[in-house]
Amino acid sequence: MEEAAQAMTIAPPPQGPVEGPVDIPREIMAEAAVWVARLHGPSRSRRMELDCLAWQATSPAHSQAFEVCTDSWEMVGGITVRDVYAAASAKQKLQHRRMRRSRLTGWWAAGLTTACLLGGGVLGVLHWLDRGVYDTEVGEQRSIVLEDGTRVSLNTSTRVRVDIQPGSRRVEVEAGEALFEVARDPTRTFVVHAAGSDVVALGTSFVVRLAGGTRPDSVAVTLLSGRVSVQPAKDSPVQFEAVAMAPGDRVRISQTSTPKSGSAPKVDRPPVDQATAWKRSEIVFEGATLDEAVREMNRYNRSSIVLLGGPAVEGRRVSGTFKTTDMRGFAYSVAELHGLMLKQRKGGWELGPAR
């Protein structure tokens, strides 16, 4: 522990002066907490120290996030990376509220608050994090780093529940869509549970997406790199043979399907770019029905499009790349393409046959 403590005092490469506290994004604070935990762990090495210094030198935000998380760690021993992240985030918020006071007073108060939070269980601060639950609102995206080093990117209206234990790593996708970049750990598989299916991986990258509205009943898994196995959960109403996926594969499974119907699971290879377009705030349609396209655009926006005209309109095809936030542009493009009438209404638009 003494050796680890010495490593924590290594000063990062000098950077230009920064006036006041740096506004530290949530994902950077999470990465800093992981670095602190790794440097205090049994696998610490000189290579790790150098990599950490290089990470700190990337930006003032990285450097300050590491400093804040280190202070939180040193105040109370025996804490986890989750505790460090939660307390450090609370410290950052307090620091910003007191920017106009003296730096000495601000840091003393923030440090005292951090110690109290850690000693008291960090109740009421980032409560979603303490419960292992991460979510996003409509149109929001978020990237988090778990305590094992795995990065999880959450798309719009997504909710996941994380349970990282010494002998297991498990995440349940309760709603929405998430991209997993799993940190390798040969001693612990990484299992993602979604709509009755388990995605089992070691070190790999894949996207899990739920469908079915407020009560998701189907899941799509797209493998970007590495290998994963998709298998039914023990309590799943649909039982099937495990599917070993190769990069580029997409597996779709519905809880309402049965093996006799020949519809579970379905394996295809769509353009991988489509599965990750949301990371660029884009949606890519290739021959999607208008009904599918409208529902997809509505996922990202509080204003919505109501499609009128029944199957004759809903079945028309849409291809192209659209910005997730440009609902107006999408609506006008589709209206012009198919000769439809577009009418603005409270909370969005109506799209239907021209009179």
Foldseek 3Di string as FASTA:
>chain_A
DVVLVVLLPDAADDDDDDQFDDDADLALLQVLLLLSQVSPDPPDDPVSSVVLSVQLVPDVNNVVSNVLLNLLDVLDDDDASLLSSQLSVQLVVQRVVCRVDDPVVSNVVSSVSSSVCSVVVVPPTPVCSSQQKDFAAFQDKDWHADNVRKIKIFFHGWMKGWDDDPQETEMETQAAKMKIQADADVRYWHWYHYQQKIKTHGGFIKMKGFDDPNHTFKIKIAGAADKIKIAGDPPQCEHDDIDIDHHQKMWMAGSVDYVVVVPPIDIDGDPVCQVCVVVVQKHFFDFAFQLVVQVVLVRRDQQGEAEDDPPVRRRGTDGDMDGSPPLVVVLVVSCVVVVWDWAADVRYIYTYHDD
